[in-house]
């Protein structure tokens, strides 16, 4: 009997890959975003609990040049692996519900 590791509640790409959990490869959809040089910014709007944090974590790993995490995935040999500075700001734990958004920011 094979037991699968489902990454329930895990929002970090590297943790999913390093723990050998199931990951549905969406990197084929990321490649066109990276190839579009004219577009300078994107707005990712998706419903709650729909994978935004995991997508951003995946992009972060790509921009940090963590190629080995992507072995076996679509993007592995499709892009030039370079390292870029990444600023990742998460508003998940800022406590805005208690003190208000303006004060929390």
PDB file of N, CA and C in Angstrom:
ATOM      1  N   UNK A   1       0.839  -1.183   0.000  1.00  0.00           N
ATOM      2  CA  UNK A   1       0.000   0.000   0.000  1.00  0.00           C
ATOM      3  C   UNK A   1       0.882   1.244   0.000  1.00  0.00           C
ATOM      4  N   UNK A   2       0.626   2.140  -0.938  1.00  0.00           N
ATOM      5  CA  UNK A   2       1.408   3.357  -1.043  1.00  0.00           C
ATOM      6  C   UNK A   2       0.700   4.490  -0.303  1.00  0.00           C
ATOM      7  N   UNK A   3       1.399   5.159   0.571  1.00  0.00           N
ATOM      8  CA  UNK A   3       0.802   6.282   1.274  1.00  0.00           C
ATOM      9  C   UNK A   3       1.306   7.572   0.645  1.00  0.00           C
ATOM     10  N   UNK A   4       0.391   8.434   0.291  1.00  0.00           N
ATOM     11  CA  UNK A   4       0.713   9.711  -0.325  1.00  0.00           C
ATOM     12  C   UNK A   4       0.792  10.787   0.751  1.00  0.00           C
ATOM     13  N   UNK A   5       1.701  11.713   0.560  1.00  0.00           N
ATOM     14  CA  UNK A   5       1.814  12.844   1.470  1.00  0.00           C
ATOM     15  C   UNK A   5       1.085  14.030   0.857  1.00  0.00           C
ATOM     16  N   UNK A   6      -0.040  14.389   1.445  1.00  0.00           N
ATOM     17  CA  UNK A   6      -0.792  15.547   0.982  1.00  0.00           C
ATOM     18  C   UNK A   6      -0.327  16.765   1.778  1.00  0.00           C
ATOM     19  N   UNK A   7       0.035  17.836   1.111  1.00  0.00           N
ATOM     20  CA  UNK A   7       0.571  19.011   1.812  1.00  0.00           C
ATOM     21  C   UNK A   7      -0.534  19.921   2.353  1.00  0.00           C
ATOM     22  N   UNK A   8      -1.361  19.392   3.201  1.00  0.00           N
ATOM     23  CA  UNK A   8      -2.479  20.163   3.741  1.00  0.00           C
ATOM     24  C   UNK A   8      -1.943  21.267   4.644  1.00  0.00           C
ATOM     25  N   UNK A   9      -2.311  22.490   4.306  1.00  0.00           N
ATOM     26  CA  UNK A   9      -1.888  23.645   5.087  1.00  0.00           C
ATOM     27  C   UNK A   9      -0.490  24.136   4.793  1.00  0.00           C
ATOM     28  N   UNK A  10       0.238  23.479   3.905  1.00  0.00           N
ATOM     29  CA  UNK A  10       1.600  23.897   3.571  1.00  0.00           C
ATOM     30  C   UNK A  10       1.530  24.874   2.405  1.00  0.00           C
ATOM     31  N   UNK A  11       2.094  26.060   2.584  1.00  0.00           N
ATOM     32  CA  UNK A  11       2.031  27.098   1.566  1.00  0.00           C
ATOM     33  C   UNK A  11       3.401  27.445   1.000  1.00  0.00           C
ATOM     34  N   UNK A  12       4.401  26.648   1.308  1.00  0.00           N
ATOM     35  CA  UNK A  12       5.762  26.922   0.865  1.00  0.00           C
ATOM     36  C   UNK A  12       6.213  25.845  -0.109  1.00  0.00           C
ATOM     37  N   UNK A  13       6.547  26.272  -1.328  1.00  0.00           N
ATOM     38  CA  UNK A  13       6.940  25.348  -2.384  1.00  0.00           C
ATOM     39  C   UNK A  13       8.097  24.452  -1.949  1.00  0.00           C
ATOM     40  N   UNK A  14       9.140  25.035  -1.373  1.00  0.00           N
ATOM     41  CA  UNK A  14      10.320  24.244  -1.000  1.00  0.00           C
ATOM     42  C   UNK A  14       9.982  23.172   0.027  1.00  0.00           C
ATOM     43  N   UNK A  15       9.099  23.467   0.979  1.00  0.00           N
ATOM     44  CA  UNK A  15       8.705  22.467   1.986  1.00  0.00           C
ATOM     45  C   UNK A  15       7.961  21.303   1.339  1.00  0.00           C
ATOM     46  N   UNK A  16       7.100  21.614   0.380  1.00  0.00           N
ATOM     47  CA  UNK A  16       6.346  20.560  -0.304  1.00  0.00           C
ATOM     48  C   UNK A  16       7.301  19.626  -1.040  1.00  0.00           C
ATOM     49  N   UNK A  17       8.232  20.203  -1.786  1.00  0.00           N
ATOM     50  CA  UNK A  17       9.177  19.406  -2.575  1.00  0.00           C
ATOM     51  C   UNK A  17      10.127  18.627  -1.673  1.00  0.00           C
ATOM     52  N   UNK A  18      10.714  19.294  -0.675  1.00  0.00           N
ATOM     53  CA  UNK A  18      11.684  18.649   0.214  1.00  0.00           C
ATOM     54  C   UNK A  18      11.056  17.536   1.047  1.00  0.00           C
ATOM     55  N   UNK A  19       9.768  17.640   1.349  1.00  0.00           N
ATOM     56  CA  UNK A  19       9.083  16.600   2.124  1.00  0.00           C
ATOM     57  C   UNK A  19       8.512  15.499   1.244  1.00  0.00           C
ATOM     58  N   UNK A  20       8.688  15.612  -0.058  1.00  0.00           N
ATOM     59  CA  UNK A  20       8.197  14.590  -0.973  1.00  0.00           C
ATOM     60  C   UNK A  20       6.682  14.528  -1.051  1.00  0.00           C
ATOM     61  N   UNK A  21       6.031  15.649  -0.773  1.00  0.00           N
ATOM     62  CA  UNK A  21       4.570  15.685  -0.812  1.00  0.00           C
ATOM     63  C   UNK A  21       4.081  15.824  -2.255  1.00  0.00           C
ATOM     64  N   UNK A  22       2.809  15.592  -2.452  1.00  0.00           N
ATOM     65  CA  UNK A  22       2.211  15.706  -3.775  1.00  0.00           C
ATOM     66  C   UNK A  22       2.184  17.168  -4.190  1.00  0.00           C
ATOM     67  N   UNK A  23       2.643  17.431  -5.404  1.00  0.00           N
ATOM     68  CA  UNK A  23       2.619  18.781  -5.969  1.00  0.00           C
ATOM     69  C   UNK A  23       2.118  18.690  -7.396  1.00  0.00           C
ATOM     70  N   UNK A  24       1.064  19.409  -7.708  1.00  0.00           N
ATOM     71  CA  UNK A  24       0.546  19.459  -9.069  1.00  0.00           C
ATOM     72  C   UNK A  24       1.349  20.528  -9.796  1.00  0.00           C
ATOM     73  N   UNK A  25       2.089  20.106 -10.817  1.00  0.00           N
ATOM     74  CA  UNK A  25       3.015  20.989 -11.525  1.00  0.00           C
ATOM     75  C   UNK A  25       2.263  22.047 -12.332  1.00  0.00           C
ATOM     76  N   UNK A  26       2.386  23.297 -11.897  1.00  0.00           N
ATOM     77  CA  UNK A  26       1.777  24.422 -12.590  1.00  0.00           C
ATOM     78  C   UNK A  26       2.825  25.310 -13.249  1.00  0.00           C
ATOM     79  N   UNK A  27       4.065  24.825 -13.303  1.00  0.00           N
ATOM     80  CA  UNK A  27       5.140  25.663 -13.828  1.00  0.00           C
ATOM     81  C   UNK A  27       5.011  25.931 -15.321  1.00  0.00           C
ATOM     82  N   UNK A  28       4.246  25.127 -16.043  1.00  0.00           N
ATOM     83  CA  UNK A  28       4.014  25.400 -17.468  1.00  0.00           C
ATOM     84  C   UNK A  28       3.238  26.704 -17.640  1.00  0.00           C
ATOM     85  N   UNK A  29       2.461  27.083 -16.644  1.00  0.00           N
ATOM     86  CA  UNK A  29       1.707  28.336 -16.696  1.00  0.00           C
ATOM     87  C   UNK A  29       2.560  29.516 -16.236  1.00  0.00           C
ATOM     88  N   UNK A  30       3.612  29.237 -15.502  1.00  0.00           N
ATOM     89  CA  UNK A  30       4.499  30.293 -15.019  1.00  0.00           C
ATOM     90  C   UNK A  30       5.478  30.727 -16.113  1.00  0.00           C
ATOM     91  N   UNK A  31       5.914  29.798 -16.943  1.00  0.00           N
ATOM     92  CA  UNK A  31       6.892  30.114 -18.007  1.00  0.00           C
ATOM     93  C   UNK A  31       6.495  31.305 -18.870  1.00  0.00           C
ATOM     94  N   UNK A  32       5.262  31.378 -19.370  1.00  0.00           N
ATOM     95  CA  UNK A  32       4.902  32.545 -20.189  1.00  0.00           C
ATOM     96  C   UNK A  32       4.981  33.861 -19.421  1.00  0.00           C
ATOM     97  N   UNK A  33       4.710  33.823 -18.120  1.00  0.00           N
ATOM     98  CA  UNK A  33       4.829  35.040 -17.312  1.00  0.00           C
ATOM     99  C   UNK A  33       6.272  35.523 -17.264  1.00  0.00           C
ATOM    100  N   UNK A  34       7.192  34.582 -17.177  1.00  0.00           N
ATOM    101  CA  UNK A  34       8.610  34.924 -17.096  1.00  0.00           C
ATOM    102  C   UNK A  34       9.150  35.383 -18.451  1.00  0.00           C
ATOM    103  N   UNK A  35       8.578  34.880 -19.519  1.00  0.00           N
ATOM    104  CA  UNK A  35       9.056  35.208 -20.860  1.00  0.00           C
ATOM    105  C   UNK A  35       8.572  36.572 -21.324  1.00  0.00           C
ATOM    106  N   UNK A  36       7.496  37.060 -20.753  1.00  0.00           N
ATOM    107  CA  UNK A  36       6.918  38.337 -21.180  1.00  0.00           C
ATOM    108  C   UNK A  36       7.711  39.493 -20.574  1.00  0.00           C
ATOM    109  N   UNK A  37       8.702  39.980 -21.331  1.00  0.00           N
ATOM    110  CA  UNK A  37       9.608  41.029 -20.833  1.00  0.00           C
ATOM    111  C   UNK A  37       8.927  42.389 -20.740  1.00  0.00           C
ATOM    112  N   UNK A  38       7.941  42.656 -21.592  1.00  0.00           N
ATOM    113  CA  UNK A  38       7.308  43.972 -21.618  1.00  0.00           C
ATOM    114  C   UNK A  38       6.448  44.225 -20.378  1.00  0.00           C
ATOM    115  N   UNK A  39       5.860  43.194 -19.844  1.00  0.00           N
ATOM    116  CA  UNK A  39       4.995  43.348 -18.680  1.00  0.00           C
ATOM    117  C   UNK A  39       5.852  43.506 -17.432  1.00  0.00           C
ATOM    118  N   UNK A  40       5.655  44.581 -16.699  1.00  0.00           N
ATOM    119  CA  UNK A  40       6.505  44.827 -15.535  1.00  0.00           C
ATOM    120  C   UNK A  40       5.883  44.362 -14.225  1.00  0.00           C
ATOM    121  N   UNK A  41       4.559  44.214 -14.176  1.00  0.00           N
ATOM    122  CA  UNK A  41       3.940  43.771 -12.935  1.00  0.00           C
ATOM    123  C   UNK A  41       2.670  42.980 -13.237  1.00  0.00           C
ATOM    124  N   UNK A  42       2.305  42.138 -12.278  1.00  0.00           N
ATOM    125  CA  UNK A  42       1.106  41.316 -12.399  1.00  0.00           C
ATOM    126  C   UNK A  42       0.302  41.441 -11.127  1.00  0.00           C
ATOM    127  N   UNK A  43      -0.997  41.316 -11.254  1.00  0.00           N
ATOM    128  CA  UNK A  43      -1.881  41.292 -10.101  1.00  0.00           C
ATOM    129  C   UNK A  43      -2.537  39.915 -10.071  1.00  0.00           C
ATOM    130  N   UNK A  44      -2.274  39.152  -9.042  1.00  0.00           N
ATOM    131  CA  UNK A  44      -2.838  37.810  -8.917  1.00  0.00           C
ATOM    132  C   UNK A  44      -4.079  37.876  -8.042  1.00  0.00           C
ATOM    133  N   UNK A  45      -5.221  37.742  -8.659  1.00  0.00           N
ATOM    134  CA  UNK A  45      -6.483  37.784  -7.934  1.00  0.00           C
ATOM    135  C   UNK A  45      -7.147  36.412  -8.050  1.00  0.00           C
ATOM    136  N   UNK A  46      -7.260  35.741  -6.928  1.00  0.00           N
ATOM    137  CA  UNK A  46      -7.901  34.424  -6.897  1.00  0.00           C
ATOM    138  C   UNK A  46      -8.698  34.337  -5.613  1.00  0.00           C
ATOM    139  N   UNK A  47      -9.668  33.438  -5.549  1.00  0.00           N
ATOM    140  CA  UNK A  47     -10.461  33.300  -4.313  1.00  0.00           C
ATOM    141  C   UNK A  47      -9.596  32.849  -3.130  1.00  0.00           C
ATOM    142  N   UNK A  48     -10.119  33.059  -1.943  1.00  0.00           N
ATOM    143  CA  UNK A  48      -9.432  32.587  -0.732  1.00  0.00           C
ATOM    144  C   UNK A  48      -9.173  31.094  -0.826  1.00  0.00           C
ATOM    145  N   UNK A  49      -8.063  30.662  -0.236  1.00  0.00           N
ATOM    146  CA  UNK A  49      -7.695  29.239  -0.172  1.00  0.00           C
ATOM    147  C   UNK A  49      -7.529  28.622  -1.558  1.00  0.00           C
ATOM    148  N   UNK A  50      -7.030  29.421  -2.507  1.00  0.00           N
ATOM    149  CA  UNK A  50      -6.939  28.955  -3.887  1.00  0.00           C
ATOM    150  C   UNK A  50      -5.504  28.932  -4.399  1.00  0.00           C
ATOM    151  N   UNK A  51      -4.524  28.931  -3.507  1.00  0.00           N
ATOM    152  CA  UNK A  51      -3.144  28.712  -3.912  1.00  0.00           C
ATOM    153  C   UNK A  51      -2.314  29.938  -4.235  1.00  0.00           C
ATOM    154  N   UNK A  52      -2.746  31.123  -3.826  1.00  0.00           N
ATOM    155  CA  UNK A  52      -1.953  32.328  -4.112  1.00  0.00           C
ATOM    156  C   UNK A  52      -0.602  32.282  -3.402  1.00  0.00           C
ATOM    157  N   UNK A  53      -0.600  31.921  -2.135  1.00  0.00           N
ATOM    158  CA  UNK A  53       0.651  31.886  -1.374  1.00  0.00           C
ATOM    159  C   UNK A  53       1.617  30.855  -1.940  1.00  0.00           C
ATOM    160  N   UNK A  54       1.101  29.703  -2.341  1.00  0.00           N
ATOM    161  CA  UNK A  54       1.960  28.676  -2.931  1.00  0.00           C
ATOM    162  C   UNK A  54       2.525  29.157  -4.268  1.00  0.00           C
ATOM    163  N   UNK A  55       1.707  29.837  -5.067  1.00  0.00           N
ATOM    164  CA  UNK A  55       2.188  30.377  -6.341  1.00  0.00           C
ATOM    165  C   UNK A  55       3.300  31.393  -6.113  1.00  0.00           C
ATOM    166  N   UNK A  56       3.115  32.284  -5.169  1.00  0.00           N
ATOM    167  CA  UNK A  56       4.135  33.298  -4.875  1.00  0.00           C
ATOM    168  C   UNK A  56       5.395  32.630  -4.332  1.00  0.00           C
ATOM    169  N   UNK A  57       5.251  31.615  -3.507  1.00  0.00           N
ATOM    170  CA  UNK A  57       6.396  30.883  -2.989  1.00  0.00           C
ATOM    171  C   UNK A  57       7.157  30.180  -4.120  1.00  0.00           C
ATOM    172  N   UNK A  58       6.416  29.660  -5.102  1.00  0.00           N
ATOM    173  CA  UNK A  58       7.031  29.013  -6.259  1.00  0.00           C
ATOM    174  C   UNK A  58       7.815  30.034  -7.076  1.00  0.00           C
ATOM    175  N   UNK A  59       7.219  31.198  -7.307  1.00  0.00           N
ATOM    176  CA  UNK A  59       7.916  32.273  -8.031  1.00  0.00           C
ATOM    177  C   UNK A  59       9.176  32.715  -7.277  1.00  0.00           C
ATOM    178  N   UNK A  60       9.071  32.805  -5.977  1.00  0.00           N
ATOM    179  CA  UNK A  60      10.223  33.183  -5.153  1.00  0.00           C
ATOM    180  C   UNK A  60      11.373  32.190  -5.341  1.00  0.00           C
ATOM    181  N   UNK A  61      11.068  30.897  -5.321  1.00  0.00           N
ATOM    182  CA  UNK A  61      12.100  29.870  -5.504  1.00  0.00           C
ATOM    183  C   UNK A  61      12.717  29.956  -6.894  1.00  0.00           C
ATOM    184  N   UNK A  62      11.911  30.272  -7.895  1.00  0.00           N
ATOM    185  CA  UNK A  62      12.433  30.436  -9.259  1.00  0.00           C
ATOM    186  C   UNK A  62      13.390  31.615  -9.313  1.00  0.00           C
ATOM    187  N   UNK A  63      12.969  32.763  -8.777  1.00  0.00           N
ATOM    188  CA  UNK A  63      13.806  33.958  -8.830  1.00  0.00           C
ATOM    189  C   UNK A  63      15.050  33.849  -7.959  1.00  0.00           C
ATOM    190  N   UNK A  64      15.019  33.009  -6.955  1.00  0.00           N
ATOM    191  CA  UNK A  64      16.210  32.790  -6.139  1.00  0.00           C
ATOM    192  C   UNK A  64      17.124  31.736  -6.753  1.00  0.00           C
ATOM    193  N   UNK A  65      16.740  31.224  -7.918  1.00  0.00           N
ATOM    194  CA  UNK A  65      17.582  30.296  -8.663  1.00  0.00           C
ATOM    195  C   UNK A  65      17.676  28.905  -8.066  1.00  0.00           C
ATOM    196  N   UNK A  66      16.667  28.463  -7.357  1.00  0.00           N
ATOM    197  CA  UNK A  66      16.686  27.161  -6.697  1.00  0.00           C
ATOM    198  C   UNK A  66      16.296  26.052  -7.673  1.00  0.00           C
ATOM    199  N   UNK A  67      17.107  25.880  -8.699  1.00  0.00           N
ATOM    200  CA  UNK A  67      16.830  24.964  -9.808  1.00  0.00           C
ATOM    201  C   UNK A  67      16.577  23.528  -9.357  1.00  0.00           C
ATOM    202  N   UNK A  68      17.341  23.040  -8.408  1.00  0.00           N
ATOM    203  CA  UNK A  68      17.223  21.629  -7.993  1.00  0.00           C
ATOM    204  C   UNK A  68      15.846  21.294  -7.419  1.00  0.00           C
ATOM    205  N   UNK A  69      15.153  22.272  -6.863  1.00  0.00           N
ATOM    206  CA  UNK A  69      13.800  22.030  -6.356  1.00  0.00           C
ATOM    207  C   UNK A  69      12.836  21.689  -7.491  1.00  0.00           C
ATOM    208  N   UNK A  70      13.172  22.095  -8.709  1.00  0.00           N
ATOM    209  CA  UNK A  70      12.280  21.945  -9.851  1.00  0.00           C
ATOM    210  C   UNK A  70      12.611  20.741 -10.727  1.00  0.00           C
ATOM    211  N   UNK A  71      13.532  19.913 -10.268  1.00  0.00           N
ATOM    212  CA  UNK A  71      13.890  18.704 -11.035  1.00  0.00           C
ATOM    213  C   UNK A  71      12.641  17.846 -11.243  1.00  0.00           C
ATOM    214  N   UNK A  72      12.383  17.486 -12.490  1.00  0.00           N
ATOM    215  CA  UNK A  72      11.216  16.691 -12.829  1.00  0.00           C
ATOM    216  C   UNK A  72       9.976  17.511 -13.151  1.00  0.00           C
ATOM    217  N   UNK A  73      10.056  18.824 -12.972  1.00  0.00           N
ATOM    218  CA  UNK A  73       8.923  19.693 -13.288  1.00  0.00           C
ATOM    219  C   UNK A  73       9.129  20.350 -14.656  1.00  0.00           C
ATOM    220  N   UNK A  74       8.076  20.838 -15.236  1.00  0.00           N
ATOM    221  CA  UNK A  74       8.101  21.395 -16.589  1.00  0.00           C
ATOM    222  C   UNK A  74       9.178  22.463 -16.779  1.00  0.00           C
ATOM    223  N   UNK A  75       9.300  23.356 -15.830  1.00  0.00           N
ATOM    224  CA  UNK A  75      10.151  24.535 -15.977  1.00  0.00           C
ATOM    225  C   UNK A  75      11.653  24.233 -15.873  1.00  0.00           C
ATOM    226  N   UNK A  76      11.999  23.079 -15.381  1.00  0.00           N
ATOM    227  CA  UNK A  76      13.389  22.744 -15.049  1.00  0.00           C
ATOM    228  C   UNK A  76      14.384  23.089 -16.152  1.00  0.00           C
ATOM    229  N   UNK A  77      14.103  22.725 -17.380  1.00  0.00           N
ATOM    230  CA  UNK A  77      15.049  22.989 -18.467  1.00  0.00           C
ATOM    231  C   UNK A  77      14.513  24.008 -19.474  1.00  0.00           C
ATOM    232  N   UNK A  78      13.511  24.787 -19.055  1.00  0.00           N
ATOM    233  CA  UNK A  78      12.887  25.745 -19.973  1.00  0.00           C
ATOM    234  C   UNK A  78      13.356  27.183 -19.784  1.00  0.00           C
ATOM    235  N   UNK A  79      13.999  27.465 -18.676  1.00  0.00           N
ATOM    236  CA  UNK A  79      14.417  28.849 -18.423  1.00  0.00           C
ATOM    237  C   UNK A  79      15.910  28.918 -18.120  1.00  0.00           C
ATOM    238  N   UNK A  80      16.438  30.113 -18.220  1.00  0.00           N
ATOM    239  CA  UNK A  80      17.814  30.401 -17.821  1.00  0.00           C
ATOM    240  C   UNK A  80      17.777  30.657 -16.313  1.00  0.00           C
ATOM    241  N   UNK A  81      18.393  29.797 -15.533  1.00  0.00           N
ATOM    242  CA  UNK A  81      18.340  29.926 -14.081  1.00  0.00           C
ATOM    243  C   UNK A  81      19.318  30.983 -13.608  1.00  0.00           C
ATOM    244  N   UNK A  82      18.773  32.066 -13.109  1.00  0.00           N
ATOM    245  CA  UNK A  82      19.553  33.169 -12.570  1.00  0.00           C
ATOM    246  C   UNK A  82      19.051  33.456 -11.157  1.00  0.00           C
ATOM    247  N   UNK A  83      19.831  34.215 -10.414  1.00  0.00           N
ATOM    248  CA  UNK A  83      19.434  34.604  -9.068  1.00  0.00           C
ATOM    249  C   UNK A  83      19.128  36.088  -9.053  1.00  0.00           C
ATOM    250  N   UNK A  84      17.975  36.423  -8.494  1.00  0.00           N
ATOM    251  CA  UNK A  84      17.552  37.807  -8.376  1.00  0.00           C
ATOM    252  C   UNK A  84      17.207  38.102  -6.923  1.00  0.00           C
ATOM    253  N   UNK A  85      17.361  39.351  -6.504  1.00  0.00           N
ATOM    254  CA  UNK A  85      16.922  39.701  -5.146  1.00  0.00           C
ATOM    255  C   UNK A  85      15.395  39.585  -5.061  1.00  0.00           C
ATOM    256  N   UNK A  86      14.910  39.058  -3.954  1.00  0.00           N
ATOM    257  CA  UNK A  86      13.474  38.862  -3.774  1.00  0.00           C
ATOM    258  C   UNK A  86      13.054  39.516  -2.467  1.00  0.00           C
ATOM    259  N   UNK A  87      12.025  40.326  -2.548  1.00  0.00           N
ATOM    260  CA  UNK A  87      11.400  40.887  -1.345  1.00  0.00           C
ATOM    261  C   UNK A  87      10.029  40.244  -1.246  1.00  0.00           C
ATOM    262  N   UNK A  88       9.812  39.505  -0.181  1.00  0.00           N
ATOM    263  CA  UNK A  88       8.542  38.796   0.008  1.00  0.00           C
ATOM    264  C   UNK A  88       7.895  39.328   1.273  1.00  0.00           C
ATOM    265  N   UNK A  89       6.820  40.064   1.101  1.00  0.00           N
ATOM    266  CA  UNK A  89       6.098  40.636   2.235  1.00  0.00           C
ATOM    267  C   UNK A  89       4.793  39.880   2.393  1.00  0.00           C
ATOM    268  N   UNK A  90       4.588  39.298   3.552  1.00  0.00           N
ATOM    269  CA  UNK A  90       3.349  38.572   3.827  1.00  0.00           C
ATOM    270  C   UNK A  90       2.519  39.361   4.833  1.00  0.00           C
ATOM    271  N   UNK A  91       1.257  39.532   4.522  1.00  0.00           N
ATOM    272  CA  UNK A  91       0.349  40.229   5.430  1.00  0.00           C
ATOM    273  C   UNK A  91      -0.468  39.251   6.268  1.00  0.00           C
ATOM    274  N   UNK A  92      -0.075  38.001   6.245  1.00  0.00           N
ATOM    275  CA  UNK A  92      -0.815  36.953   6.923  1.00  0.00           C
ATOM    276  C   UNK A  92      -0.903  37.170   8.431  1.00  0.00           C
ATOM    277  N   UNK A  93       0.198  37.490   9.047  1.00  0.00           N
ATOM    278  CA  UNK A  93       0.248  37.541  10.514  1.00  0.00           C
ATOM    279  C   UNK A  93       0.455  38.946  11.075  1.00  0.00           C
ATOM    280  N   UNK A  94      -0.082  39.970  10.410  1.00  0.00           N
ATOM    281  CA  UNK A  94       0.157  41.331  10.903  1.00  0.00           C
ATOM    282  C   UNK A  94      -0.817  41.747  12.001  1.00  0.00           C
ATOM    283  N   UNK A  95      -1.847  40.965  12.257  1.00  0.00           N
ATOM    284  CA  UNK A  95      -2.763  41.242  13.362  1.00  0.00           C
ATOM    285  C   UNK A  95      -3.692  42.416  13.122  1.00  0.00           C
ATOM    286  N   UNK A  96      -4.063  42.663  11.873  1.00  0.00           N
ATOM    287  CA  UNK A  96      -4.898  43.821  11.567  1.00  0.00           C
ATOM    288  C   UNK A  96      -6.299  43.720  12.166  1.00  0.00           C
ATOM    289  N   UNK A  97      -6.761  42.516  12.438  1.00  0.00           N
ATOM    290  CA  UNK A  97      -8.110  42.367  12.990  1.00  0.00           C
ATOM    291  C   UNK A  97      -8.206  42.952  14.399  1.00  0.00           C
ATOM    292  N   UNK A  98      -7.107  42.923  15.143  1.00  0.00           N
ATOM    293  CA  UNK A  98      -7.108  43.437  16.509  1.00  0.00           C
ATOM    294  C   UNK A  98      -6.850  44.946  16.557  1.00  0.00           C
ATOM    295  N   UNK A  99      -5.921  45.437  15.712  1.00  0.00           N
ATOM    296  CA  UNK A  99      -5.492  46.837  15.825  1.00  0.00           C
ATOM    297  C   UNK A  99      -5.900  47.693  14.639  1.00  0.00           C
ATOM    298  N   UNK A 100      -6.471  47.092  13.618  1.00  0.00           N
ATOM    299  CA  UNK A 100      -6.830  47.831  12.411  1.00  0.00           C
ATOM    300  C   UNK A 100      -5.721  47.745  11.378  1.00  0.00           C
ATOM    301  N   UNK A 101      -6.096  47.825  10.129  1.00  0.00           N
ATOM    302  CA  UNK A 101      -5.136  47.642   9.033  1.00  0.00           C
ATOM    303  C   UNK A 101      -4.070  48.729   9.019  1.00  0.00           C
ATOM    304  N   UNK A 102      -4.447  49.979   9.174  1.00  0.00           N
ATOM    305  CA  UNK A 102      -3.477  51.080   9.105  1.00  0.00           C
ATOM    306  C   UNK A 102      -2.394  50.939  10.173  1.00  0.00           C
ATOM    307  N   UNK A 103      -2.788  50.649  11.397  1.00  0.00           N
ATOM    308  CA  UNK A 103      -1.820  50.495  12.485  1.00  0.00           C
ATOM    309  C   UNK A 103      -0.951  49.251  12.284  1.00  0.00           C
ATOM    310  N   UNK A 104      -1.560  48.167  11.821  1.00  0.00           N
ATOM    311  CA  UNK A 104      -0.811  46.929  11.606  1.00  0.00           C
ATOM    312  C   UNK A 104       0.237  47.110  10.517  1.00  0.00           C
ATOM    313  N   UNK A 105      -0.096  47.842   9.473  1.00  0.00           N
ATOM    314  CA  UNK A 105       0.879  48.067   8.391  1.00  0.00           C
ATOM    315  C   UNK A 105       1.995  48.968   8.878  1.00  0.00           C
TER     316      UNK A 105
END
